[in-house]
């Protein structure tokens, strides 16, 4: 059976929580110097972007503040132009864009119960 919207939302939430745990106490300099954490973070971002890509427009319309297309585009970048990924951009996404996404996903999951 294919994943449901709630499955996708839970995948996004789980990946965000994993990134938060990986980067607790980190700053940009530490993140830049730690290739293993950078690669793990990029992989979790791929999961987030792919799961978000598969959410319905009906779900996405409830969060117009999230740039869904940019998220999908970044996932494509991570998969196909991984060699040109800017660490600063990854860090900014983690710091600035994941918190509102996490809040939205948590609201959606709560509302589905």
PDB file of N, CA and C in Angstrom:
ATOM      1  N   UNK A   1       0.840  -1.167   0.000  1.00  0.00           N
ATOM      2  CA  UNK A   1       0.000   0.000   0.000  1.00  0.00           C
ATOM      3  C   UNK A   1       0.898   1.249   0.000  1.00  0.00           C
ATOM      4  N   UNK A   2       0.622   2.208  -0.857  1.00  0.00           N
ATOM      5  CA  UNK A   2       1.469   3.408  -0.911  1.00  0.00           C
ATOM      6  C   UNK A   2       1.333   4.240   0.359  1.00  0.00           C
ATOM      7  N   UNK A   3       2.361   5.012   0.673  1.00  0.00           N
ATOM      8  CA  UNK A   3       2.298   5.850   1.870  1.00  0.00           C
ATOM      9  C   UNK A   3       1.147   6.853   1.797  1.00  0.00           C
ATOM     10  N   UNK A   4       0.536   7.091   2.939  1.00  0.00           N
ATOM     11  CA  UNK A   4      -0.542   8.079   3.040  1.00  0.00           C
ATOM     12  C   UNK A   4       0.067   9.466   3.262  1.00  0.00           C
ATOM     13  N   UNK A   5      -0.783  10.475   3.212  1.00  0.00           N
ATOM     14  CA  UNK A   5      -0.329  11.838   3.511  1.00  0.00           C
ATOM     15  C   UNK A   5       0.231  11.902   4.931  1.00  0.00           C
ATOM     16  N   UNK A   6      -0.439  11.214   5.858  1.00  0.00           N
ATOM     17  CA  UNK A   6       0.071  11.224   7.231  1.00  0.00           C
ATOM     18  C   UNK A   6       1.434  10.538   7.319  1.00  0.00           C
ATOM     19  N   UNK A   7       1.637   9.466   6.564  1.00  0.00           N
ATOM     20  CA  UNK A   7       2.955   8.819   6.521  1.00  0.00           C
ATOM     21  C   UNK A   7       4.018   9.815   6.062  1.00  0.00           C
ATOM     22  N   UNK A   8       3.705  10.562   5.015  1.00  0.00           N
ATOM     23  CA  UNK A   8       4.654  11.554   4.473  1.00  0.00           C
ATOM     24  C   UNK A   8       4.941  12.638   5.515  1.00  0.00           C
ATOM     25  N   UNK A   9       3.896  13.102   6.183  1.00  0.00           N
ATOM     26  CA  UNK A   9       4.083  14.113   7.221  1.00  0.00           C
ATOM     27  C   UNK A   9       4.960  13.577   8.347  1.00  0.00           C
ATOM     28  N   UNK A  10       4.735  12.343   8.729  1.00  0.00           N
ATOM     29  CA  UNK A  10       5.560  11.734   9.785  1.00  0.00           C
ATOM     30  C   UNK A  10       7.006  11.560   9.323  1.00  0.00           C
ATOM     31  N   UNK A  11       7.210  11.233   8.061  1.00  0.00           N
ATOM     32  CA  UNK A  11       8.573  11.138   7.520  1.00  0.00           C
ATOM     33  C   UNK A  11       9.281  12.488   7.616  1.00  0.00           C
ATOM     34  N   UNK A  12       8.559  13.547   7.276  1.00  0.00           N
ATOM     35  CA  UNK A  12       9.131  14.896   7.362  1.00  0.00           C
ATOM     36  C   UNK A  12       9.487  15.220   8.808  1.00  0.00           C
ATOM     37  N   UNK A  13       8.557  14.976   9.710  1.00  0.00           N
ATOM     38  CA  UNK A  13       8.791  15.280  11.120  1.00  0.00           C
ATOM     39  C   UNK A  13       9.965  14.475  11.664  1.00  0.00           C
ATOM     40  N   UNK A  14      10.013  13.199  11.359  1.00  0.00           N
ATOM     41  CA  UNK A  14      11.111  12.352  11.840  1.00  0.00           C
ATOM     42  C   UNK A  14      12.457  12.862  11.330  1.00  0.00           C
ATOM     43  N   UNK A  15      12.530  13.252  10.076  1.00  0.00           N
ATOM     44  CA  UNK A  15      13.787  13.752   9.514  1.00  0.00           C
ATOM     45  C   UNK A  15      14.199  15.064  10.184  1.00  0.00           C
ATOM     46  N   UNK A  16      13.237  15.932  10.446  1.00  0.00           N
ATOM     47  CA  UNK A  16      13.555  17.193  11.124  1.00  0.00           C
ATOM     48  C   UNK A  16      14.078  16.927  12.529  1.00  0.00           C
ATOM     49  N   UNK A  17      13.432  16.030  13.255  1.00  0.00           N
ATOM     50  CA  UNK A  17      13.870  15.693  14.613  1.00  0.00           C
ATOM     51  C   UNK A  17      15.287  15.108  14.583  1.00  0.00           C
ATOM     52  N   UNK A  18      15.576  14.276  13.607  1.00  0.00           N
ATOM     53  CA  UNK A  18      16.926  13.705  13.477  1.00  0.00           C
ATOM     54  C   UNK A  18      17.958  14.798  13.200  1.00  0.00           C
ATOM     55  N   UNK A  19      17.619  15.740  12.321  1.00  0.00           N
ATOM     56  CA  UNK A  19      18.539  16.851  12.038  1.00  0.00           C
ATOM     57  C   UNK A  19      18.771  17.668  13.306  1.00  0.00           C
ATOM     58  N   UNK A  20      17.707  17.951  14.038  1.00  0.00           N
ATOM     59  CA  UNK A  20      17.851  18.711  15.286  1.00  0.00           C
ATOM     60  C   UNK A  20      18.802  18.001  16.248  1.00  0.00           C
ATOM     61  N   UNK A  21      18.665  16.688  16.374  1.00  0.00           N
ATOM     62  CA  UNK A  21      19.532  15.924  17.274  1.00  0.00           C
ATOM     63  C   UNK A  21      20.978  15.931  16.772  1.00  0.00           C
ATOM     64  N   UNK A  22      21.157  15.751  15.473  1.00  0.00           N
ATOM     65  CA  UNK A  22      22.501  15.749  14.886  1.00  0.00           C
ATOM     66  C   UNK A  22      23.236  17.060  15.114  1.00  0.00           C
ATOM     67  N   UNK A  23      22.496  18.157  15.050  1.00  0.00           N
ATOM     68  CA  UNK A  23      23.136  19.468  15.050  1.00  0.00           C
ATOM     69  C   UNK A  23      22.991  20.228  16.363  1.00  0.00           C
ATOM     70  N   UNK A  24      22.494  19.562  17.395  1.00  0.00           N
ATOM     71  CA  UNK A  24      22.380  20.213  18.705  1.00  0.00           C
ATOM     72  C   UNK A  24      23.767  20.679  19.151  1.00  0.00           C
ATOM     73  N   UNK A  25      23.877  21.942  19.496  1.00  0.00           N
ATOM     74  CA  UNK A  25      25.145  22.493  19.956  1.00  0.00           C
ATOM     75  C   UNK A  25      26.106  22.875  18.844  1.00  0.00           C
ATOM     76  N   UNK A  26      25.695  22.690  17.613  1.00  0.00           N
ATOM     77  CA  UNK A  26      26.556  23.015  16.472  1.00  0.00           C
ATOM     78  C   UNK A  26      26.322  24.447  16.014  1.00  0.00           C
ATOM     79  N   UNK A  27      27.360  25.009  15.402  1.00  0.00           N
ATOM     80  CA  UNK A  27      27.241  26.284  14.698  1.00  0.00           C
ATOM     81  C   UNK A  27      27.729  26.046  13.267  1.00  0.00           C
ATOM     82  N   UNK A  28      27.699  27.083  12.457  1.00  0.00           N
ATOM     83  CA  UNK A  28      28.078  26.919  11.055  1.00  0.00           C
ATOM     84  C   UNK A  28      29.505  26.415  10.900  1.00  0.00           C
ATOM     85  N   UNK A  29      30.428  26.908  11.710  1.00  0.00           N
ATOM     86  CA  UNK A  29      31.824  26.468  11.590  1.00  0.00           C
ATOM     87  C   UNK A  29      31.973  24.980  11.900  1.00  0.00           C
ATOM     88  N   UNK A  30      31.343  24.530  12.979  1.00  0.00           N
ATOM     89  CA  UNK A  30      31.416  23.105  13.324  1.00  0.00           C
ATOM     90  C   UNK A  30      30.745  22.257  12.249  1.00  0.00           C
ATOM     91  N   UNK A  31      29.612  22.719  11.764  1.00  0.00           N
ATOM     92  CA  UNK A  31      28.887  22.000  10.715  1.00  0.00           C
ATOM     93  C   UNK A  31      29.733  21.896   9.450  1.00  0.00           C
ATOM     94  N   UNK A  32      30.362  22.978   9.068  1.00  0.00           N
ATOM     95  CA  UNK A  32      31.198  22.999   7.867  1.00  0.00           C
ATOM     96  C   UNK A  32      32.355  22.011   7.989  1.00  0.00           C
ATOM     97  N   UNK A  33      32.905  21.890   9.186  1.00  0.00           N
ATOM     98  CA  UNK A  33      34.063  21.024   9.403  1.00  0.00           C
ATOM     99  C   UNK A  33      33.704  19.549   9.558  1.00  0.00           C
ATOM    100  N   UNK A  34      32.440  19.225   9.728  1.00  0.00           N
ATOM    101  CA  UNK A  34      32.017  17.848  10.008  1.00  0.00           C
ATOM    102  C   UNK A  34      31.288  17.252   8.799  1.00  0.00           C
ATOM    103  N   UNK A  35      32.061  16.635   7.928  1.00  0.00           N
ATOM    104  CA  UNK A  35      31.501  16.105   6.681  1.00  0.00           C
ATOM    105  C   UNK A  35      30.424  15.055   6.930  1.00  0.00           C
ATOM    106  N   UNK A  36      30.610  14.219   7.919  1.00  0.00           N
ATOM    107  CA  UNK A  36      29.633  13.169   8.199  1.00  0.00           C
ATOM    108  C   UNK A  36      28.277  13.769   8.575  1.00  0.00           C
ATOM    109  N   UNK A  37      28.281  14.765   9.434  1.00  0.00           N
ATOM    110  CA  UNK A  37      27.012  15.410   9.813  1.00  0.00           C
ATOM    111  C   UNK A  37      26.410  16.181   8.646  1.00  0.00           C
ATOM    112  N   UNK A  38      27.259  16.795   7.841  1.00  0.00           N
ATOM    113  CA  UNK A  38      26.742  17.501   6.659  1.00  0.00           C
ATOM    114  C   UNK A  38      26.046  16.529   5.723  1.00  0.00           C
ATOM    115  N   UNK A  39      26.691  15.404   5.459  1.00  0.00           N
ATOM    116  CA  UNK A  39      26.115  14.420   4.539  1.00  0.00           C
ATOM    117  C   UNK A  39      24.823  13.828   5.112  1.00  0.00           C
ATOM    118  N   UNK A  40      24.813  13.549   6.401  1.00  0.00           N
ATOM    119  CA  UNK A  40      23.596  13.020   7.031  1.00  0.00           C
ATOM    120  C   UNK A  40      22.474  14.054   6.963  1.00  0.00           C
ATOM    121  N   UNK A  41      22.807  15.300   7.215  1.00  0.00           N
ATOM    122  CA  UNK A  41      21.807  16.370   7.141  1.00  0.00           C
ATOM    123  C   UNK A  41      21.256  16.484   5.731  1.00  0.00           C
ATOM    124  N   UNK A  42      22.138  16.440   4.745  1.00  0.00           N
ATOM    125  CA  UNK A  42      21.684  16.516   3.354  1.00  0.00           C
ATOM    126  C   UNK A  42      20.764  15.346   3.009  1.00  0.00           C
ATOM    127  N   UNK A  43      21.072  14.173   3.504  1.00  0.00           N
ATOM    128  CA  UNK A  43      20.209  13.016   3.236  1.00  0.00           C
ATOM    129  C   UNK A  43      18.833  13.212   3.872  1.00  0.00           C
ATOM    130  N   UNK A  44      18.808  13.672   5.112  1.00  0.00           N
ATOM    131  CA  UNK A  44      17.513  13.934   5.753  1.00  0.00           C
ATOM    132  C   UNK A  44      16.742  15.015   5.001  1.00  0.00           C
ATOM    133  N   UNK A  45      17.444  16.018   4.496  1.00  0.00           N
ATOM    134  CA  UNK A  45      16.775  17.050   3.697  1.00  0.00           C
ATOM    135  C   UNK A  45      16.206  16.463   2.408  1.00  0.00           C
ATOM    136  N   UNK A  46      16.913  15.512   1.813  1.00  0.00           N
ATOM    137  CA  UNK A  46      16.371  14.829   0.629  1.00  0.00           C
ATOM    138  C   UNK A  46      15.046  14.148   0.965  1.00  0.00           C
ATOM    139  N   UNK A  47      15.006  13.468   2.097  1.00  0.00           N
ATOM    140  CA  UNK A  47      13.776  12.790   2.532  1.00  0.00           C
ATOM    141  C   UNK A  47      12.660  13.816   2.720  1.00  0.00           C
ATOM    142  N   UNK A  48      12.978  14.912   3.393  1.00  0.00           N
ATOM    143  CA  UNK A  48      11.984  15.964   3.624  1.00  0.00           C
ATOM    144  C   UNK A  48      11.454  16.495   2.300  1.00  0.00           C
ATOM    145  N   UNK A  49      12.359  16.799   1.393  1.00  0.00           N
ATOM    146  CA  UNK A  49      11.957  17.380   0.102  1.00  0.00           C
ATOM    147  C   UNK A  49      11.123  16.403  -0.717  1.00  0.00           C
ATOM    148  N   UNK A  50      11.495  15.142  -0.705  1.00  0.00           N
ATOM    149  CA  UNK A  50      10.736  14.143  -1.474  1.00  0.00           C
ATOM    150  C   UNK A  50       9.355  13.919  -0.863  1.00  0.00           C
ATOM    151  N   UNK A  51       9.302  13.811   0.453  1.00  0.00           N
ATOM    152  CA  UNK A  51       8.001  13.630   1.107  1.00  0.00           C
ATOM    153  C   UNK A  51       7.113  14.849   0.866  1.00  0.00           C
ATOM    154  N   UNK A  52       7.686  16.036   0.926  1.00  0.00           N
ATOM    155  CA  UNK A  52       6.919  17.264   0.683  1.00  0.00           C
ATOM    156  C   UNK A  52       6.418  17.310  -0.757  1.00  0.00           C
ATOM    157  N   UNK A  53       7.234  16.863  -1.671  1.00  0.00           N
ATOM    158  CA  UNK A  53       6.843  16.845  -3.086  1.00  0.00           C
ATOM    159  C   UNK A  53       5.590  16.009  -3.295  1.00  0.00           C
ATOM    160  N   UNK A  54       5.432  14.985  -2.496  1.00  0.00           N
ATOM    161  CA  UNK A  54       4.320  14.057  -2.664  1.00  0.00           C
ATOM    162  C   UNK A  54       3.079  14.414  -1.834  1.00  0.00           C
ATOM    163  N   UNK A  55       3.166  15.489  -1.062  1.00  0.00           N
ATOM    164  CA  UNK A  55       1.970  15.960  -0.353  1.00  0.00           C
ATOM    165  C   UNK A  55       1.011  16.580  -1.360  1.00  0.00           C
ATOM    166  N   UNK A  56      -0.255  16.471  -1.082  1.00  0.00           N
ATOM    167  CA  UNK A  56      -1.251  17.035  -1.995  1.00  0.00           C
ATOM    168  C   UNK A  56      -1.275  18.558  -1.890  1.00  0.00           C
ATOM    169  N   UNK A  57      -1.729  19.183  -2.952  1.00  0.00           N
ATOM    170  CA  UNK A  57      -1.878  20.642  -2.944  1.00  0.00           C
ATOM    171  C   UNK A  57      -2.865  21.077  -1.872  1.00  0.00           C
ATOM    172  N   UNK A  58      -3.831  20.232  -1.575  1.00  0.00           N
ATOM    173  CA  UNK A  58      -4.818  20.540  -0.545  1.00  0.00           C
ATOM    174  C   UNK A  58      -4.146  20.724   0.820  1.00  0.00           C
ATOM    175  N   UNK A  59      -3.138  19.930   1.100  1.00  0.00           N
ATOM    176  CA  UNK A  59      -2.389  20.070   2.357  1.00  0.00           C
ATOM    177  C   UNK A  59      -1.497  21.306   2.285  1.00  0.00           C
ATOM    178  N   UNK A  60      -0.781  21.453   1.187  1.00  0.00           N
ATOM    179  CA  UNK A  60       0.183  22.548   1.048  1.00  0.00           C
ATOM    180  C   UNK A  60      -0.477  23.924   1.101  1.00  0.00           C
ATOM    181  N   UNK A  61      -1.704  24.025   0.644  1.00  0.00           N
ATOM    182  CA  UNK A  61      -2.374  25.341   0.616  1.00  0.00           C
ATOM    183  C   UNK A  61      -2.574  25.909   2.016  1.00  0.00           C
ATOM    184  N   UNK A  62      -2.544  25.050   3.023  1.00  0.00           N
ATOM    185  CA  UNK A  62      -2.711  25.505   4.401  1.00  0.00           C
ATOM    186  C   UNK A  62      -1.438  26.126   4.979  1.00  0.00           C
ATOM    187  N   UNK A  63      -0.366  26.121   4.201  1.00  0.00           N
ATOM    188  CA  UNK A  63       0.894  26.731   4.645  1.00  0.00           C
ATOM    189  C   UNK A  63       1.504  27.537   3.503  1.00  0.00           C
ATOM    190  N   UNK A  64       0.854  28.636   3.131  1.00  0.00           N
ATOM    191  CA  UNK A  64       1.381  29.440   2.026  1.00  0.00           C
ATOM    192  C   UNK A  64       2.727  30.090   2.348  1.00  0.00           C
ATOM    193  N   UNK A  65       3.069  30.149   3.631  1.00  0.00           N
ATOM    194  CA  UNK A  65       4.355  30.726   4.025  1.00  0.00           C
ATOM    195  C   UNK A  65       5.530  29.809   3.684  1.00  0.00           C
ATOM    196  N   UNK A  66       5.246  28.557   3.387  1.00  0.00           N
ATOM    197  CA  UNK A  66       6.293  27.602   3.011  1.00  0.00           C
ATOM    198  C   UNK A  66       6.406  27.589   1.496  1.00  0.00           C
ATOM    199  N   UNK A  67       7.617  27.765   1.020  1.00  0.00           N
ATOM    200  CA  UNK A  67       7.852  27.762  -0.427  1.00  0.00           C
ATOM    201  C   UNK A  67       8.045  26.313  -0.875  1.00  0.00           C
ATOM    202  N   UNK A  68       6.938  25.658  -1.156  1.00  0.00           N
ATOM    203  CA  UNK A  68       6.949  24.230  -1.483  1.00  0.00           C
ATOM    204  C   UNK A  68       7.761  23.945  -2.741  1.00  0.00           C
ATOM    205  N   UNK A  69       7.610  24.774  -3.760  1.00  0.00           N
ATOM    206  CA  UNK A  69       8.335  24.530  -5.004  1.00  0.00           C
ATOM    207  C   UNK A  69       9.841  24.668  -4.798  1.00  0.00           C
ATOM    208  N   UNK A  70      10.231  25.648  -4.012  1.00  0.00           N
ATOM    209  CA  UNK A  70      11.662  25.816  -3.726  1.00  0.00           C
ATOM    210  C   UNK A  70      12.202  24.601  -2.976  1.00  0.00           C
ATOM    211  N   UNK A  71      11.384  24.047  -2.097  1.00  0.00           N
ATOM    212  CA  UNK A  71      11.788  22.848  -1.364  1.00  0.00           C
ATOM    213  C   UNK A  71      12.008  21.681  -2.323  1.00  0.00           C
ATOM    214  N   UNK A  72      11.079  21.490  -3.237  1.00  0.00           N
ATOM    215  CA  UNK A  72      11.205  20.422  -4.235  1.00  0.00           C
ATOM    216  C   UNK A  72      12.451  20.650  -5.083  1.00  0.00           C
ATOM    217  N   UNK A  73      12.655  21.885  -5.502  1.00  0.00           N
ATOM    218  CA  UNK A  73      13.828  22.211  -6.319  1.00  0.00           C
ATOM    219  C   UNK A  73      15.121  21.929  -5.566  1.00  0.00           C
ATOM    220  N   UNK A  74      15.147  22.246  -4.269  1.00  0.00           N
ATOM    221  CA  UNK A  74      16.351  21.985  -3.490  1.00  0.00           C
ATOM    222  C   UNK A  74      16.601  20.483  -3.360  1.00  0.00           C
ATOM    223  N   UNK A  75      15.545  19.704  -3.204  1.00  0.00           N
ATOM    224  CA  UNK A  75      15.707  18.247  -3.175  1.00  0.00           C
ATOM    225  C   UNK A  75      16.317  17.738  -4.469  1.00  0.00           C
ATOM    226  N   UNK A  76      15.872  18.275  -5.594  1.00  0.00           N
ATOM    227  CA  UNK A  76      16.462  17.897  -6.884  1.00  0.00           C
ATOM    228  C   UNK A  76      17.930  18.286  -6.939  1.00  0.00           C
ATOM    229  N   UNK A  77      18.247  19.456  -6.416  1.00  0.00           N
ATOM    230  CA  UNK A  77      19.646  19.895  -6.372  1.00  0.00           C
ATOM    231  C   UNK A  77      20.486  18.913  -5.548  1.00  0.00           C
ATOM    232  N   UNK A  78      19.982  18.537  -4.381  1.00  0.00           N
ATOM    233  CA  UNK A  78      20.732  17.608  -3.530  1.00  0.00           C
ATOM    234  C   UNK A  78      20.982  16.280  -4.232  1.00  0.00           C
ATOM    235  N   UNK A  79      20.011  15.819  -5.001  1.00  0.00           N
ATOM    236  CA  UNK A  79      20.157  14.533  -5.685  1.00  0.00           C
ATOM    237  C   UNK A  79      21.043  14.611  -6.922  1.00  0.00           C
ATOM    238  N   UNK A  80      20.946  15.718  -7.649  1.00  0.00           N
ATOM    239  CA  UNK A  80      21.599  15.759  -8.959  1.00  0.00           C
ATOM    240  C   UNK A  80      22.806  16.685  -9.040  1.00  0.00           C
ATOM    241  N   UNK A  81      22.911  17.634  -8.139  1.00  0.00           N
ATOM    242  CA  UNK A  81      24.055  18.553  -8.147  1.00  0.00           C
ATOM    243  C   UNK A  81      24.715  18.563  -6.770  1.00  0.00           C
ATOM    244  N   UNK A  82      24.748  17.391  -6.147  1.00  0.00           N
ATOM    245  CA  UNK A  82      25.286  17.240  -4.793  1.00  0.00           C
ATOM    246  C   UNK A  82      26.696  17.802  -4.671  1.00  0.00           C
ATOM    247  N   UNK A  83      27.462  17.730  -5.737  1.00  0.00           N
ATOM    248  CA  UNK A  83      28.848  18.195  -5.726  1.00  0.00           C
ATOM    249  C   UNK A  83      28.944  19.722  -5.618  1.00  0.00           C
ATOM    250  N   UNK A  84      27.842  20.407  -5.852  1.00  0.00           N
ATOM    251  CA  UNK A  84      27.842  21.873  -5.831  1.00  0.00           C
ATOM    252  C   UNK A  84      26.968  22.432  -4.711  1.00  0.00           C
ATOM    253  N   UNK A  85      26.696  21.627  -3.696  1.00  0.00           N
ATOM    254  CA  UNK A  85      25.837  22.075  -2.596  1.00  0.00           C
ATOM    255  C   UNK A  85      26.613  23.017  -1.686  1.00  0.00           C
ATOM    256  N   UNK A  86      26.029  24.168  -1.421  1.00  0.00           N
ATOM    257  CA  UNK A  86      26.638  25.198  -0.583  1.00  0.00           C
ATOM    258  C   UNK A  86      26.286  24.922   0.884  1.00  0.00           C
ATOM    259  N   UNK A  87      27.314  24.734   1.704  1.00  0.00           N
ATOM    260  CA  UNK A  87      27.115  24.426   3.122  1.00  0.00           C
ATOM    261  C   UNK A  87      26.324  25.534   3.817  1.00  0.00           C
ATOM    262  N   UNK A  88      26.593  26.766   3.462  1.00  0.00           N
ATOM    263  CA  UNK A  88      25.884  27.887   4.072  1.00  0.00           C
ATOM    264  C   UNK A  88      24.392  27.853   3.787  1.00  0.00           C
ATOM    265  N   UNK A  89      24.031  27.450   2.581  1.00  0.00           N
ATOM    266  CA  UNK A  89      22.610  27.344   2.231  1.00  0.00           C
ATOM    267  C   UNK A  89      21.953  26.225   3.031  1.00  0.00           C
ATOM    268  N   UNK A  90      22.635  25.096   3.141  1.00  0.00           N
ATOM    269  CA  UNK A  90      22.097  23.982   3.936  1.00  0.00           C
ATOM    270  C   UNK A  90      21.880  24.444   5.377  1.00  0.00           C
ATOM    271  N   UNK A  91      22.867  25.124   5.928  1.00  0.00           N
ATOM    272  CA  UNK A  91      22.759  25.613   7.305  1.00  0.00           C
ATOM    273  C   UNK A  91      21.581  26.578   7.457  1.00  0.00           C
ATOM    274  N   UNK A  92      21.435  27.496   6.514  1.00  0.00           N
ATOM    275  CA  UNK A  92      20.319  28.448   6.563  1.00  0.00           C
ATOM    276  C   UNK A  92      18.968  27.737   6.494  1.00  0.00           C
ATOM    277  N   UNK A  93      18.876  26.726   5.663  1.00  0.00           N
ATOM    278  CA  UNK A  93      17.626  25.960   5.565  1.00  0.00           C
ATOM    279  C   UNK A  93      17.299  25.322   6.911  1.00  0.00           C
ATOM    280  N   UNK A  94      18.310  24.698   7.507  1.00  0.00           N
ATOM    281  CA  UNK A  94      18.106  24.037   8.800  1.00  0.00           C
ATOM    282  C   UNK A  94      17.675  25.052   9.861  1.00  0.00           C
ATOM    283  N   UNK A  95      18.338  26.186   9.897  1.00  0.00           N
ATOM    284  CA  UNK A  95      18.070  27.181  10.938  1.00  0.00           C
ATOM    285  C   UNK A  95      16.779  27.968  10.709  1.00  0.00           C
ATOM    286  N   UNK A  96      16.508  28.324   9.455  1.00  0.00           N
ATOM    287  CA  UNK A  96      15.423  29.266   9.168  1.00  0.00           C
ATOM    288  C   UNK A  96      14.150  28.639   8.605  1.00  0.00           C
ATOM    289  N   UNK A  97      14.287  27.548   7.874  1.00  0.00           N
ATOM    290  CA  UNK A  97      13.127  27.003   7.164  1.00  0.00           C
ATOM    291  C   UNK A  97      12.542  25.738   7.798  1.00  0.00           C
ATOM    292  N   UNK A  98      13.361  24.982   8.511  1.00  0.00           N
ATOM    293  CA  UNK A  98      12.816  23.770   9.129  1.00  0.00           C
ATOM    294  C   UNK A  98      11.893  24.056  10.314  1.00  0.00           C
ATOM    295  N   UNK A  99      12.175  25.049  11.168  1.00  0.00           N
ATOM    296  CA  UNK A  99      11.253  25.280  12.291  1.00  0.00           C
ATOM    297  C   UNK A  99       9.807  25.559  11.871  1.00  0.00           C
ATOM    298  N   UNK A 100       9.549  26.447  10.891  1.00  0.00           N
ATOM    299  CA  UNK A 100       8.143  26.629  10.503  1.00  0.00           C
ATOM    300  C   UNK A 100       7.552  25.400   9.825  1.00  0.00           C
ATOM    301  N   UNK A 101       8.367  24.663   9.089  1.00  0.00           N
ATOM    302  CA  UNK A 101       7.880  23.422   8.472  1.00  0.00           C
ATOM    303  C   UNK A 101       7.505  22.422   9.558  1.00  0.00           C
ATOM    304  N   UNK A 102       8.345  22.311  10.574  1.00  0.00           N
ATOM    305  CA  UNK A 102       8.059  21.395  11.679  1.00  0.00           C
ATOM    306  C   UNK A 102       6.748  21.773  12.363  1.00  0.00           C
ATOM    307  N   UNK A 103       6.551  23.046  12.629  1.00  0.00           N
ATOM    308  CA  UNK A 103       5.308  23.492  13.273  1.00  0.00           C
ATOM    309  C   UNK A 103       4.094  23.132  12.434  1.00  0.00           C
ATOM    310  N   UNK A 104       4.184  23.372  11.134  1.00  0.00           N
ATOM    311  CA  UNK A 104       3.073  23.052  10.238  1.00  0.00           C
ATOM    312  C   UNK A 104       2.787  21.551  10.238  1.00  0.00           C
ATOM    313  N   UNK A 105       3.825  20.746  10.125  1.00  0.00           N
ATOM    314  CA  UNK A 105       3.651  19.290  10.082  1.00  0.00           C
ATOM    315  C   UNK A 105       3.049  18.786  11.389  1.00  0.00           C
ATOM    316  N   UNK A 106       3.518  19.297  12.502  1.00  0.00           N
ATOM    317  CA  UNK A 106       2.952  18.886  13.793  1.00  0.00           C
ATOM    318  C   UNK A 106       1.467  19.242  13.879  1.00  0.00           C
ATOM    319  N   UNK A 107       1.097  20.428  13.404  1.00  0.00           N
ATOM    320  CA  UNK A 107      -0.324  20.817  13.399  1.00  0.00           C
ATOM    321  C   UNK A 107      -1.145  19.866  12.535  1.00  0.00           C
ATOM    322  N   UNK A 108      -0.615  19.522  11.373  1.00  0.00           N
ATOM    323  CA  UNK A 108      -1.334  18.606  10.467  1.00  0.00           C
ATOM    324  C   UNK A 108      -1.529  17.238  11.107  1.00  0.00           C
ATOM    325  N   UNK A 109      -0.502  16.735  11.747  1.00  0.00           N
ATOM    326  CA  UNK A 109      -0.589  15.415  12.377  1.00  0.00           C
ATOM    327  C   UNK A 109      -1.600  15.451  13.527  1.00  0.00           C
ATOM    328  N   UNK A 110      -1.548  16.507  14.339  1.00  0.00           N
ATOM    329  CA  UNK A 110      -2.524  16.636  15.442  1.00  0.00           C
ATOM    330  C   UNK A 110      -3.947  16.711  14.898  1.00  0.00           C
ATOM    331  N   UNK A 111      -4.131  17.448  13.823  1.00  0.00           N
ATOM    332  CA  UNK A 111      -5.471  17.626  13.245  1.00  0.00           C
ATOM    333  C   UNK A 111      -6.021  16.335  12.653  1.00  0.00           C
ATOM    334  N   UNK A 112      -5.148  15.426  12.284  1.00  0.00           N
ATOM    335  CA  UNK A 112      -5.614  14.178  11.665  1.00  0.00           C
ATOM    336  C   UNK A 112      -6.070  13.157  12.704  1.00  0.00           C
ATOM    337  N   UNK A 113      -5.892  13.484  13.971  1.00  0.00           N
ATOM    338  CA  UNK A 113      -6.297  12.550  15.041  1.00  0.00           C
ATOM    339  C   UNK A 113      -7.531  13.009  15.741  1.00  0.00           C
TER     340      UNK A 113
END
